[in-house]
mmCIF file of all heavy atoms, coordinates in Angstrom:
data_MODEL
# 
_entry.id   MODEL 
# 
loop_
_atom_site.group_PDB 
_atom_site.id 
_atom_site.type_symbol 
_atom_site.label_atom_id 
_atom_site.label_alt_id 
_atom_site.label_comp_id 
_atom_site.label_asym_id 
_atom_site.label_entity_id 
_atom_site.label_seq_id 
_atom_site.pdbx_PDB_ins_code 
_atom_site.Cartn_x 
_atom_site.Cartn_y 
_atom_site.Cartn_z 
_atom_site.occupancy 
_atom_site.B_iso_or_equiv 
_atom_site.pdbx_formal_charge 
_atom_site.auth_seq_id 
_atom_site.auth_comp_id 
_atom_site.auth_asym_id 
_atom_site.auth_atom_id 
_atom_site.pdbx_PDB_model_num 
ATOM 1   N N   . ILE A 1 1  ? 23.426 -46.065 57.476 1.00 0.00 ? 1  ILE A N   1 
ATOM 2   C CA  . ILE A 1 1  ? 24.777 -46.586 57.703 1.00 0.00 ? 1  ILE A CA  1 
ATOM 3   C C   . ILE A 1 1  ? 25.767 -45.470 57.992 1.00 0.00 ? 1  ILE A C   1 
ATOM 4   O O   . ILE A 1 1  ? 25.826 -44.471 57.276 1.00 0.00 ? 1  ILE A O   1 
ATOM 5   C CB  . ILE A 1 1  ? 25.275 -47.346 56.446 1.00 0.00 ? 1  ILE A CB  1 
ATOM 6   C CG1 . ILE A 1 1  ? 24.275 -48.399 55.999 1.00 0.00 ? 1  ILE A CG1 1 
ATOM 7   C CG2 . ILE A 1 1  ? 26.640 -47.958 56.683 1.00 0.00 ? 1  ILE A CG2 1 
ATOM 8   C CD1 . ILE A 1 1  ? 24.428 -48.781 54.531 1.00 0.00 ? 1  ILE A CD1 1 
ATOM 9   N N   . ASP A 1 2  ? 26.562 -45.665 59.022 1.00 0.00 ? 2  ASP A N   1 
ATOM 10  C CA  . ASP A 1 2  ? 27.780 -44.884 59.213 1.00 0.00 ? 2  ASP A CA  1 
ATOM 11  C C   . ASP A 1 2  ? 28.924 -45.888 59.265 1.00 0.00 ? 2  ASP A C   1 
ATOM 12  O O   . ASP A 1 2  ? 29.121 -46.560 60.275 1.00 0.00 ? 2  ASP A O   1 
ATOM 13  C CB  . ASP A 1 2  ? 27.737 -44.058 60.502 1.00 0.00 ? 2  ASP A CB  1 
ATOM 14  C CG  . ASP A 1 2  ? 28.867 -43.036 60.560 1.00 0.00 ? 2  ASP A CG  1 
ATOM 15  O OD1 . ASP A 1 2  ? 29.850 -43.194 59.817 1.00 0.00 ? 2  ASP A OD1 1 
ATOM 16  O OD2 . ASP A 1 2  ? 28.772 -42.078 61.348 1.00 0.00 ? 2  ASP A OD2 1 
ATOM 17  N N   . PRO A 1 3  ? 29.671 -46.031 58.176 1.00 0.00 ? 3  PRO A N   1 
ATOM 18  C CA  . PRO A 1 3  ? 30.690 -47.084 58.126 1.00 0.00 ? 3  PRO A CA  1 
ATOM 19  C C   . PRO A 1 3  ? 31.844 -46.864 59.096 1.00 0.00 ? 3  PRO A C   1 
ATOM 20  O O   . PRO A 1 3  ? 32.521 -47.821 59.472 1.00 0.00 ? 3  PRO A O   1 
ATOM 21  C CB  . PRO A 1 3  ? 31.169 -47.049 56.678 1.00 0.00 ? 3  PRO A CB  1 
ATOM 22  C CG  . PRO A 1 3  ? 30.805 -45.700 56.174 1.00 0.00 ? 3  PRO A CG  1 
ATOM 23  C CD  . PRO A 1 3  ? 29.562 -45.310 56.903 1.00 0.00 ? 3  PRO A CD  1 
ATOM 24  N N   . LEU A 1 4  ? 32.088 -45.616 59.495 1.00 0.00 ? 4  LEU A N   1 
ATOM 25  C CA  . LEU A 1 4  ? 33.111 -45.345 60.504 1.00 0.00 ? 4  LEU A CA  1 
ATOM 26  C C   . LEU A 1 4  ? 32.706 -44.076 61.241 1.00 0.00 ? 4  LEU A C   1 
ATOM 27  O O   . LEU A 1 4  ? 32.982 -42.959 60.804 1.00 0.00 ? 4  LEU A O   1 
ATOM 28  C CB  . LEU A 1 4  ? 34.504 -45.184 59.878 1.00 0.00 ? 4  LEU A CB  1 
ATOM 29  C CG  . LEU A 1 4  ? 35.718 -45.472 60.791 1.00 0.00 ? 4  LEU A CG  1 
ATOM 30  C CD1 . LEU A 1 4  ? 37.016 -45.446 59.977 1.00 0.00 ? 4  LEU A CD1 1 
ATOM 31  C CD2 . LEU A 1 4  ? 35.824 -44.498 61.955 1.00 0.00 ? 4  LEU A CD2 1 
ATOM 32  N N   . ASP A 1 5  ? 32.011 -44.260 62.349 1.00 0.00 ? 5  ASP A N   1 
ATOM 33  C CA  . ASP A 1 5  ? 31.587 -43.141 63.191 1.00 0.00 ? 5  ASP A CA  1 
ATOM 34  C C   . ASP A 1 5  ? 32.724 -42.828 64.162 1.00 0.00 ? 5  ASP A C   1 
ATOM 35  O O   . ASP A 1 5  ? 33.202 -43.706 64.865 1.00 0.00 ? 5  ASP A O   1 
ATOM 36  C CB  . ASP A 1 5  ? 30.318 -43.521 63.960 1.00 0.00 ? 5  ASP A CB  1 
ATOM 37  C CG  . ASP A 1 5  ? 29.827 -42.400 64.858 1.00 0.00 ? 5  ASP A CG  1 
ATOM 38  O OD1 . ASP A 1 5  ? 30.057 -41.231 64.517 1.00 0.00 ? 5  ASP A OD1 1 
ATOM 39  O OD2 . ASP A 1 5  ? 29.221 -42.703 65.901 1.00 0.00 ? 5  ASP A OD2 1 
ATOM 40  N N   . GLY A 1 6  ? 33.138 -41.567 64.182 1.00 0.00 ? 6  GLY A N   1 
ATOM 41  C CA  . GLY A 1 6  ? 34.275 -41.205 65.022 1.00 0.00 ? 6  GLY A CA  1 
ATOM 42  C C   . GLY A 1 6  ? 35.571 -41.228 64.244 1.00 0.00 ? 6  GLY A C   1 
ATOM 43  O O   . GLY A 1 6  ? 36.600 -41.671 64.758 1.00 0.00 ? 6  GLY A O   1 
ATOM 44  N N   . THR A 1 7  ? 35.516 -40.754 62.995 1.00 0.00 ? 7  THR A N   1 
ATOM 45  C CA  . THR A 1 7  ? 36.737 -40.744 62.185 1.00 0.00 ? 7  THR A CA  1 
ATOM 46  C C   . THR A 1 7  ? 37.835 -39.916 62.853 1.00 0.00 ? 7  THR A C   1 
ATOM 47  O O   . THR A 1 7  ? 39.020 -40.263 62.782 1.00 0.00 ? 7  THR A O   1 
ATOM 48  C CB  . THR A 1 7  ? 36.441 -40.206 60.769 1.00 0.00 ? 7  THR A CB  1 
ATOM 49  O OG1 . THR A 1 7  ? 35.444 -41.028 60.156 1.00 0.00 ? 7  THR A OG1 1 
ATOM 50  C CG2 . THR A 1 7  ? 37.689 -40.218 59.903 1.00 0.00 ? 7  THR A CG2 1 
ATOM 51  N N   . LYS A 1 8  ? 37.440 -38.826 63.527 1.00 0.00 ? 8  LYS A N   1 
ATOM 52  C CA  . LYS A 1 8  ? 38.438 -38.012 64.233 1.00 0.00 ? 8  LYS A CA  1 
ATOM 53  C C   . LYS A 1 8  ? 39.142 -38.834 65.312 1.00 0.00 ? 8  LYS A C   1 
ATOM 54  O O   . LYS A 1 8  ? 40.352 -38.708 65.510 1.00 0.00 ? 8  LYS A O   1 
ATOM 55  C CB  . LYS A 1 8  ? 37.780 -36.781 64.848 1.00 0.00 ? 8  LYS A CB  1 
ATOM 56  C CG  . LYS A 1 8  ? 37.308 -35.750 63.829 1.00 0.00 ? 8  LYS A CG  1 
ATOM 57  C CD  . LYS A 1 8  ? 36.673 -34.549 64.520 1.00 0.00 ? 8  LYS A CD  1 
ATOM 58  C CE  . LYS A 1 8  ? 36.192 -33.526 63.504 1.00 0.00 ? 8  LYS A CE  1 
ATOM 59  N NZ  . LYS A 1 8  ? 35.536 -32.369 64.144 1.00 0.00 ? 8  LYS A NZ  1 
ATOM 60  N N   . GLU A 1 9  ? 38.385 -39.667 66.020 1.00 0.00 ? 9  GLU A N   1 
ATOM 61  C CA  . GLU A 1 9  ? 38.974 -40.537 67.037 1.00 0.00 ? 9  GLU A CA  1 
ATOM 62  C C   . GLU A 1 9  ? 39.942 -41.525 66.376 1.00 0.00 ? 9  GLU A C   1 
ATOM 63  O O   . GLU A 1 9  ? 41.048 -41.779 66.869 1.00 0.00 ? 9  GLU A O   1 
ATOM 64  C CB  . GLU A 1 9  ? 37.881 -41.312 67.779 1.00 0.00 ? 9  GLU A CB  1 
ATOM 65  C CG  . GLU A 1 9  ? 36.781 -40.462 68.407 1.00 0.00 ? 9  GLU A CG  1 
ATOM 66  C CD  . GLU A 1 9  ? 37.236 -39.797 69.678 1.00 0.00 ? 9  GLU A CD  1 
ATOM 67  O OE1 . GLU A 1 9  ? 38.259 -40.207 70.252 1.00 0.00 ? 9  GLU A OE1 1 
ATOM 68  O OE2 . GLU A 1 9  ? 36.555 -38.841 70.105 1.00 0.00 ? 9  GLU A OE2 1 
ATOM 69  N N   . PHE A 1 10 ? 39.506 -42.079 65.251 1.00 0.00 ? 10 PHE A N   1 
ATOM 70  C CA  . PHE A 1 10 ? 40.314 -43.050 64.520 1.00 0.00 ? 10 PHE A CA  1 
ATOM 71  C C   . PHE A 1 10 ? 41.621 -42.427 64.050 1.00 0.00 ? 10 PHE A C   1 
ATOM 72  O O   . PHE A 1 10 ? 42.704 -43.000 64.233 1.00 0.00 ? 10 PHE A O   1 
ATOM 73  C CB  . PHE A 1 10 ? 39.505 -43.575 63.329 1.00 0.00 ? 10 PHE A CB  1 
ATOM 74  C CG  . PHE A 1 10 ? 40.223 -44.584 62.484 1.00 0.00 ? 10 PHE A CG  1 
ATOM 75  C CD1 . PHE A 1 10 ? 40.439 -45.871 62.929 1.00 0.00 ? 10 PHE A CD1 1 
ATOM 76  C CD2 . PHE A 1 10 ? 40.684 -44.232 61.215 1.00 0.00 ? 10 PHE A CD2 1 
ATOM 77  C CE1 . PHE A 1 10 ? 41.099 -46.802 62.141 1.00 0.00 ? 10 PHE A CE1 1 
ATOM 78  C CE2 . PHE A 1 10 ? 41.352 -45.153 60.423 1.00 0.00 ? 10 PHE A CE2 1 
ATOM 79  C CZ  . PHE A 1 10 ? 41.554 -46.439 60.887 1.00 0.00 ? 10 PHE A CZ  1 
ATOM 80  N N   . VAL A 1 11 ? 41.530 -41.247 63.450 1.00 0.00 ? 11 VAL A N   1 
ATOM 81  C CA  . VAL A 1 11 ? 42.719 -40.563 62.940 1.00 0.00 ? 11 VAL A CA  1 
ATOM 82  C C   . VAL A 1 11 ? 43.671 -40.214 64.079 1.00 0.00 ? 11 VAL A C   1 
ATOM 83  O O   . VAL A 1 11 ? 44.902 -40.271 63.930 1.00 0.00 ? 11 VAL A O   1 
ATOM 84  C CB  . VAL A 1 11 ? 42.316 -39.300 62.155 1.00 0.00 ? 11 VAL A CB  1 
ATOM 85  C CG1 . VAL A 1 11 ? 43.529 -38.456 61.802 1.00 0.00 ? 11 VAL A CG1 1 
ATOM 86  C CG2 . VAL A 1 11 ? 41.548 -39.682 60.884 1.00 0.00 ? 11 VAL A CG2 1 
ATOM 87  N N   . ALA A 1 12 ? 43.108 -39.874 65.250 1.00 0.00 ? 12 ALA A N   1 
ATOM 88  C CA  . ALA A 1 12 ? 43.924 -39.487 66.406 1.00 0.00 ? 12 ALA A CA  1 
ATOM 89  C C   . ALA A 1 12 ? 44.564 -40.685 67.100 1.00 0.00 ? 12 ALA A C   1 
ATOM 90  O O   . ALA A 1 12 ? 45.328 -40.515 68.052 1.00 0.00 ? 12 ALA A O   1 
ATOM 91  C CB  . ALA A 1 12 ? 43.082 -38.710 67.403 1.00 0.00 ? 12 ALA A CB  1 
ATOM 92  N N   . GLY A 1 13 ? 44.245 -41.903 66.640 1.00 0.00 ? 13 GLY A N   1 
ATOM 93  C CA  . GLY A 1 13 ? 44.844 -43.091 67.224 1.00 0.00 ? 13 GLY A CA  1 
ATOM 94  C C   . GLY A 1 13 ? 44.098 -43.660 68.411 1.00 0.00 ? 13 GLY A C   1 
ATOM 95  O O   . GLY A 1 13 ? 44.589 -44.576 69.077 1.00 0.00 ? 13 GLY A O   1 
ATOM 96  N N   . ARG A 1 14 ? 42.895 -43.136 68.670 1.00 0.00 ? 14 ARG A N   1 
ATOM 97  C CA  . ARG A 1 14 ? 42.108 -43.648 69.789 1.00 0.00 ? 14 ARG A CA  1 
ATOM 98  C C   . ARG A 1 14 ? 41.234 -44.819 69.340 1.00 0.00 ? 14 ARG A C   1 
ATOM 99  O O   . ARG A 1 14 ? 41.038 -45.046 68.144 1.00 0.00 ? 14 ARG A O   1 
ATOM 100 C CB  . ARG A 1 14 ? 41.266 -42.526 70.407 1.00 0.00 ? 14 ARG A CB  1 
ATOM 101 C CG  . ARG A 1 14 ? 42.107 -41.482 71.130 1.00 0.00 ? 14 ARG A CG  1 
ATOM 102 C CD  . ARG A 1 14 ? 41.244 -40.506 71.896 1.00 0.00 ? 14 ARG A CD  1 
ATOM 103 N NE  . ARG A 1 14 ? 40.613 -39.527 71.023 1.00 0.00 ? 14 ARG A NE  1 
ATOM 104 C CZ  . ARG A 1 14 ? 41.094 -38.309 70.778 1.00 0.00 ? 14 ARG A CZ  1 
ATOM 105 N NH1 . ARG A 1 14 ? 42.242 -37.929 71.316 1.00 0.00 ? 14 ARG A NH1 1 
ATOM 106 N NH2 . ARG A 1 14 ? 40.444 -37.472 69.991 1.00 0.00 ? 14 ARG A NH2 1 
ATOM 107 N N   . ASP A 1 15 ? 40.671 -45.542 70.314 1.00 0.00 ? 15 ASP A N   1 
ATOM 108 C CA  . ASP A 1 15 ? 39.941 -46.775 70.025 1.00 0.00 ? 15 ASP A CA  1 
ATOM 109 C C   . ASP A 1 15 ? 38.425 -46.614 69.988 1.00 0.00 ? 15 ASP A C   1 
ATOM 110 O O   . ASP A 1 15 ? 37.723 -47.563 69.644 1.00 0.00 ? 15 ASP A O   1 
ATOM 111 C CB  . ASP A 1 15 ? 40.287 -47.845 71.070 1.00 0.00 ? 15 ASP A CB  1 
ATOM 112 C CG  . ASP A 1 15 ? 41.715 -48.355 70.921 1.00 0.00 ? 15 ASP A CG  1 
ATOM 113 O OD1 . ASP A 1 15 ? 42.291 -48.193 69.826 1.00 0.00 ? 15 ASP A OD1 1 
ATOM 114 O OD2 . ASP A 1 15 ? 42.241 -48.912 71.907 1.00 0.00 ? 15 ASP A OD2 1 
ATOM 115 N N   . GLU A 1 16 ? 37.901 -45.451 70.353 1.00 0.00 ? 16 GLU A N   1 
ATOM 116 C CA  . GLU A 1 16 ? 36.452 -45.286 70.452 1.00 0.00 ? 16 GLU A CA  1 
ATOM 117 C C   . GLU A 1 16 ? 35.867 -44.769 69.143 1.00 0.00 ? 16 GLU A C   1 
ATOM 118 O O   . GLU A 1 16 ? 35.413 -43.629 69.033 1.00 0.00 ? 16 GLU A O   1 
ATOM 119 C CB  . GLU A 1 16 ? 36.108 -44.371 71.626 1.00 0.00 ? 16 GLU A CB  1 
ATOM 120 C CG  . GLU A 1 16 ? 36.360 -45.053 72.962 1.00 0.00 ? 16 GLU A CG  1 
ATOM 121 C CD  . GLU A 1 16 ? 36.086 -44.154 74.144 1.00 0.00 ? 16 GLU A CD  1 
ATOM 122 O OE1 . GLU A 1 16 ? 36.121 -42.920 73.974 1.00 0.00 ? 16 GLU A OE1 1 
ATOM 123 O OE2 . GLU A 1 16 ? 35.846 -44.677 75.237 1.00 0.00 ? 16 GLU A OE2 1 
ATOM 124 N N   . PHE A 1 17 ? 35.888 -45.632 68.147 1.00 0.00 ? 17 PHE A N   1 
ATOM 125 C CA  . PHE A 1 17 ? 35.194 -45.399 66.882 1.00 0.00 ? 17 PHE A CA  1 
ATOM 126 C C   . PHE A 1 17 ? 34.302 -46.603 66.637 1.00 0.00 ? 17 PHE A C   1 
ATOM 127 O O   . PHE A 1 17 ? 34.550 -47.695 67.177 1.00 0.00 ? 17 PHE A O   1 
ATOM 128 C CB  . PHE A 1 17 ? 36.178 -45.178 65.735 1.00 0.00 ? 17 PHE A CB  1 
ATOM 129 C CG  . PHE A 1 17 ? 37.178 -46.293 65.565 1.00 0.00 ? 17 PHE A CG  1 
ATOM 130 C CD1 . PHE A 1 17 ? 36.880 -47.416 64.804 1.00 0.00 ? 17 PHE A CD1 1 
ATOM 131 C CD2 . PHE A 1 17 ? 38.415 -46.233 66.190 1.00 0.00 ? 17 PHE A CD2 1 
ATOM 132 C CE1 . PHE A 1 17 ? 37.801 -48.453 64.661 1.00 0.00 ? 17 PHE A CE1 1 
ATOM 133 C CE2 . PHE A 1 17 ? 39.341 -47.256 66.045 1.00 0.00 ? 17 PHE A CE2 1 
ATOM 134 C CZ  . PHE A 1 17 ? 39.036 -48.364 65.281 1.00 0.00 ? 17 PHE A CZ  1 
ATOM 135 N N   . THR A 1 18 ? 33.265 -46.431 65.844 1.00 0.00 ? 18 THR A N   1 
ATOM 136 C CA  . THR A 1 18 ? 32.276 -47.496 65.683 1.00 0.00 ? 18 THR A CA  1 
ATOM 137 C C   . THR A 1 18 ? 31.853 -47.663 64.228 1.00 0.00 ? 18 THR A C   1 
ATOM 138 O O   . THR A 1 18 ? 32.052 -46.786 63.387 1.00 0.00 ? 18 THR A O   1 
ATOM 139 C CB  . THR A 1 18 ? 31.006 -47.233 66.515 1.00 0.00 ? 18 THR A CB  1 
ATOM 140 O OG1 . THR A 1 18 ? 30.411 -45.992 66.095 1.00 0.00 ? 18 THR A OG1 1 
ATOM 141 C CG2 . THR A 1 18 ? 31.321 -47.173 68.000 1.00 0.00 ? 18 THR A CG2 1 
ATOM 142 N N   . VAL A 1 19 ? 31.254 -48.816 63.963 1.00 0.00 ? 19 VAL A N   1 
ATOM 143 C CA  . VAL A 1 19 ? 30.541 -49.086 62.718 1.00 0.00 ? 19 VAL A CA  1 
ATOM 144 C C   . VAL A 1 19 ? 29.068 -49.153 63.081 1.00 0.00 ? 19 VAL A C   1 
ATOM 145 O O   . VAL A 1 19 ? 28.681 -49.947 63.960 1.00 0.00 ? 19 VAL A O   1 
ATOM 146 C CB  . VAL A 1 19 ? 30.992 -50.410 62.072 1.00 0.00 ? 19 VAL A CB  1 
ATOM 147 C CG1 . VAL A 1 19 ? 30.221 -50.658 60.776 1.00 0.00 ? 19 VAL A CG1 1 
ATOM 148 C CG2 . VAL A 1 19 ? 32.489 -50.416 61.826 1.00 0.00 ? 19 VAL A CG2 1 
ATOM 149 N N   . ASN A 1 20 ? 28.246 -48.324 62.443 1.00 0.00 ? 20 ASN A N   1 
ATOM 150 C CA  . ASN A 1 20 ? 26.830 -48.232 62.804 1.00 0.00 ? 20 ASN A CA  1 
ATOM 151 C C   . ASN A 1 20 ? 25.941 -48.640 61.635 1.00 0.00 ? 20 ASN A C   1 
ATOM 152 O O   . ASN A 1 20 ? 26.084 -48.088 60.533 1.00 0.00 ? 20 ASN A O   1 
ATOM 153 C CB  . ASN A 1 20 ? 26.455 -46.790 63.181 1.00 0.00 ? 20 ASN A CB  1 
ATOM 154 C CG  . ASN A 1 20 ? 27.298 -46.225 64.304 1.00 0.00 ? 20 ASN A CG  1 
ATOM 155 O OD1 . ASN A 1 20 ? 27.904 -46.962 65.081 1.00 0.00 ? 20 ASN A OD1 1 
ATOM 156 N ND2 . ASN A 1 20 ? 27.328 -44.911 64.402 1.00 0.00 ? 20 ASN A ND2 1 
ATOM 157 N N   . VAL A 1 21 ? 25.035 -49.573 61.876 1.00 0.00 ? 21 VAL A N   1 
ATOM 158 C CA  . VAL A 1 21 ? 24.043 -49.958 60.873 1.00 0.00 ? 21 VAL A CA  1 
ATOM 159 C C   . VAL A 1 21 ? 22.680 -50.024 61.541 1.00 0.00 ? 21 VAL A C   1 
ATOM 160 O O   . VAL A 1 21 ? 22.524 -50.660 62.594 1.00 0.00 ? 21 VAL A O   1 
ATOM 161 C CB  . VAL A 1 21 ? 24.374 -51.322 60.224 1.00 0.00 ? 21 VAL A CB  1 
ATOM 162 C CG1 . VAL A 1 21 ? 23.224 -51.777 59.319 1.00 0.00 ? 21 VAL A CG1 1 
ATOM 163 C CG2 . VAL A 1 21 ? 25.657 -51.236 59.416 1.00 0.00 ? 21 VAL A CG2 1 
ATOM 164 N N   . ALA A 1 22 ? 21.711 -49.356 60.939 1.00 0.00 ? 22 ALA A N   1 
ATOM 165 C CA  . ALA A 1 22 ? 20.336 -49.390 61.445 1.00 0.00 ? 22 ALA A CA  1 
ATOM 166 C C   . ALA A 1 22 ? 19.394 -49.784 60.314 1.00 0.00 ? 22 ALA A C   1 
ATOM 167 O O   . ALA A 1 22 ? 19.651 -49.489 59.147 1.00 0.00 ? 22 ALA A O   1 
ATOM 168 C CB  . ALA A 1 22 ? 19.929 -48.030 62.006 1.00 0.00 ? 22 ALA A CB  1 
ATOM 169 N N   . LEU A 1 23 ? 18.312 -50.447 60.685 1.00 0.00 ? 23 LEU A N   1 
ATOM 170 C CA  . LEU A 1 23 ? 17.193 -50.672 59.776 1.00 0.00 ? 23 LEU A CA  1 
ATOM 171 C C   . LEU A 1 23 ? 16.052 -49.798 60.274 1.00 0.00 ? 23 LEU A C   1 
ATOM 172 O O   . LEU A 1 23 ? 15.619 -49.941 61.430 1.00 0.00 ? 23 LEU A O   1 
ATOM 173 C CB  . LEU A 1 23 ? 16.780 -52.139 59.758 1.00 0.00 ? 23 LEU A CB  1 
ATOM 174 C CG  . LEU A 1 23 ? 15.506 -52.461 58.970 1.00 0.00 ? 23 LEU A CG  1 
ATOM 175 C CD1 . LEU A 1 23 ? 15.698 -52.190 57.476 1.00 0.00 ? 23 LEU A CD1 1 
ATOM 176 C CD2 . LEU A 1 23 ? 15.077 -53.918 59.195 1.00 0.00 ? 23 LEU A CD2 1 
ATOM 177 N N   . VAL A 1 24 ? 15.599 -48.886 59.443 1.00 0.00 ? 24 VAL A N   1 
ATOM 178 C CA  . VAL A 1 24 ? 14.547 -47.934 59.810 1.00 0.00 ? 24 VAL A CA  1 
ATOM 179 C C   . VAL A 1 24 ? 13.278 -48.296 59.056 1.00 0.00 ? 24 VAL A C   1 
ATOM 180 O O   . VAL A 1 24 ? 13.316 -48.518 57.837 1.00 0.00 ? 24 VAL A O   1 
ATOM 181 C CB  . VAL A 1 24 ? 14.975 -46.495 59.465 1.00 0.00 ? 24 VAL A CB  1 
ATOM 182 C CG1 . VAL A 1 24 ? 13.885 -45.497 59.854 1.00 0.00 ? 24 VAL A CG1 1 
ATOM 183 C CG2 . VAL A 1 24 ? 16.294 -46.142 60.159 1.00 0.00 ? 24 VAL A CG2 1 
ATOM 184 N N   . THR A 1 25 ? 12.158 -48.358 59.759 1.00 0.00 ? 25 THR A N   1 
ATOM 185 C CA  . THR A 1 25 ? 10.871 -48.631 59.131 1.00 0.00 ? 25 THR A CA  1 
ATOM 186 C C   . THR A 1 25 ? 9.893  -47.525 59.501 1.00 0.00 ? 25 THR A C   1 
ATOM 187 O O   . THR A 1 25 ? 9.712  -47.210 60.679 1.00 0.00 ? 25 THR A O   1 
ATOM 188 C CB  . THR A 1 25 ? 10.316 -49.993 59.563 1.00 0.00 ? 25 THR A CB  1 
ATOM 189 O OG1 . THR A 1 25 ? 11.157 -51.039 59.030 1.00 0.00 ? 25 THR A OG1 1 
ATOM 190 C CG2 . THR A 1 25 ? 8.898  -50.205 59.041 1.00 0.00 ? 25 THR A CG2 1 
ATOM 191 N N   . ASN A 1 26 ? 9.317  -46.910 58.488 1.00 0.00 ? 26 ASN A N   1 
ATOM 192 C CA  . ASN A 1 26 ? 8.367  -45.807 58.675 1.00 0.00 ? 26 ASN A CA  1 
ATOM 193 C C   . ASN A 1 26 ? 8.936  -44.702 59.570 1.00 0.00 ? 26 ASN A C   1 
ATOM 194 O O   . ASN A 1 26 ? 8.239  -44.161 60.430 1.00 0.00 ? 26 ASN A O   1 
ATOM 195 C CB  . ASN A 1 26 ? 7.043  -46.336 59.246 1.00 0.00 ? 26 ASN A CB  1 
ATOM 196 C CG  . ASN A 1 26 ? 6.344  -47.298 58.296 1.00 0.00 ? 26 ASN A CG  1 
ATOM 197 O OD1 . ASN A 1 26 ? 6.405  -47.131 57.078 1.00 0.00 ? 26 ASN A OD1 1 
ATOM 198 N ND2 . ASN A 1 26 ? 5.697  -48.316 58.836 1.00 0.00 ? 26 ASN A ND2 1 
ATOM 199 N N   . GLY A 1 27 ? 10.214 -44.408 59.374 1.00 0.00 ? 27 GLY A N   1 
ATOM 200 C CA  . GLY A 1 27 ? 10.849 -43.305 60.080 1.00 0.00 ? 27 GLY A CA  1 
ATOM 201 C C   . GLY A 1 27 ? 11.396 -43.627 61.450 1.00 0.00 ? 27 GLY A C   1 
ATOM 202 O O   . GLY A 1 27 ? 12.030 -42.770 62.071 1.00 0.00 ? 27 GLY A O   1 
ATOM 203 N N   . ILE A 1 28 ? 11.201 -44.859 61.933 1.00 0.00 ? 28 ILE A N   1 
ATOM 204 C CA  . ILE A 1 28 ? 11.621 -45.233 63.286 1.00 0.00 ? 28 ILE A CA  1 
ATOM 205 C C   . ILE A 1 28 ? 12.692 -46.331 63.213 1.00 0.00 ? 28 ILE A C   1 
ATOM 206 O O   . ILE A 1 28 ? 12.461 -47.369 62.580 1.00 0.00 ? 28 ILE A O   1 
ATOM 207 C CB  . ILE A 1 28 ? 10.428 -45.742 64.119 1.00 0.00 ? 28 ILE A CB  1 
ATOM 208 C CG1 . ILE A 1 28 ? 9.315  -44.693 64.149 1.00 0.00 ? 28 ILE A CG1 1 
ATOM 209 C CG2 . ILE A 1 28 ? 10.873 -46.091 65.532 1.00 0.00 ? 28 ILE A CG2 1 
ATOM 210 C CD1 . ILE A 1 28 ? 9.708  -43.372 64.771 1.00 0.00 ? 28 ILE A CD1 1 
# 
């Protein structure tokens, strides 16, 4: 999980930040 990817973008007032969630199985 990255709950807020692009915090620098967010702090700078830009719109290109994301919420990232992955399910990984056996390293992939």
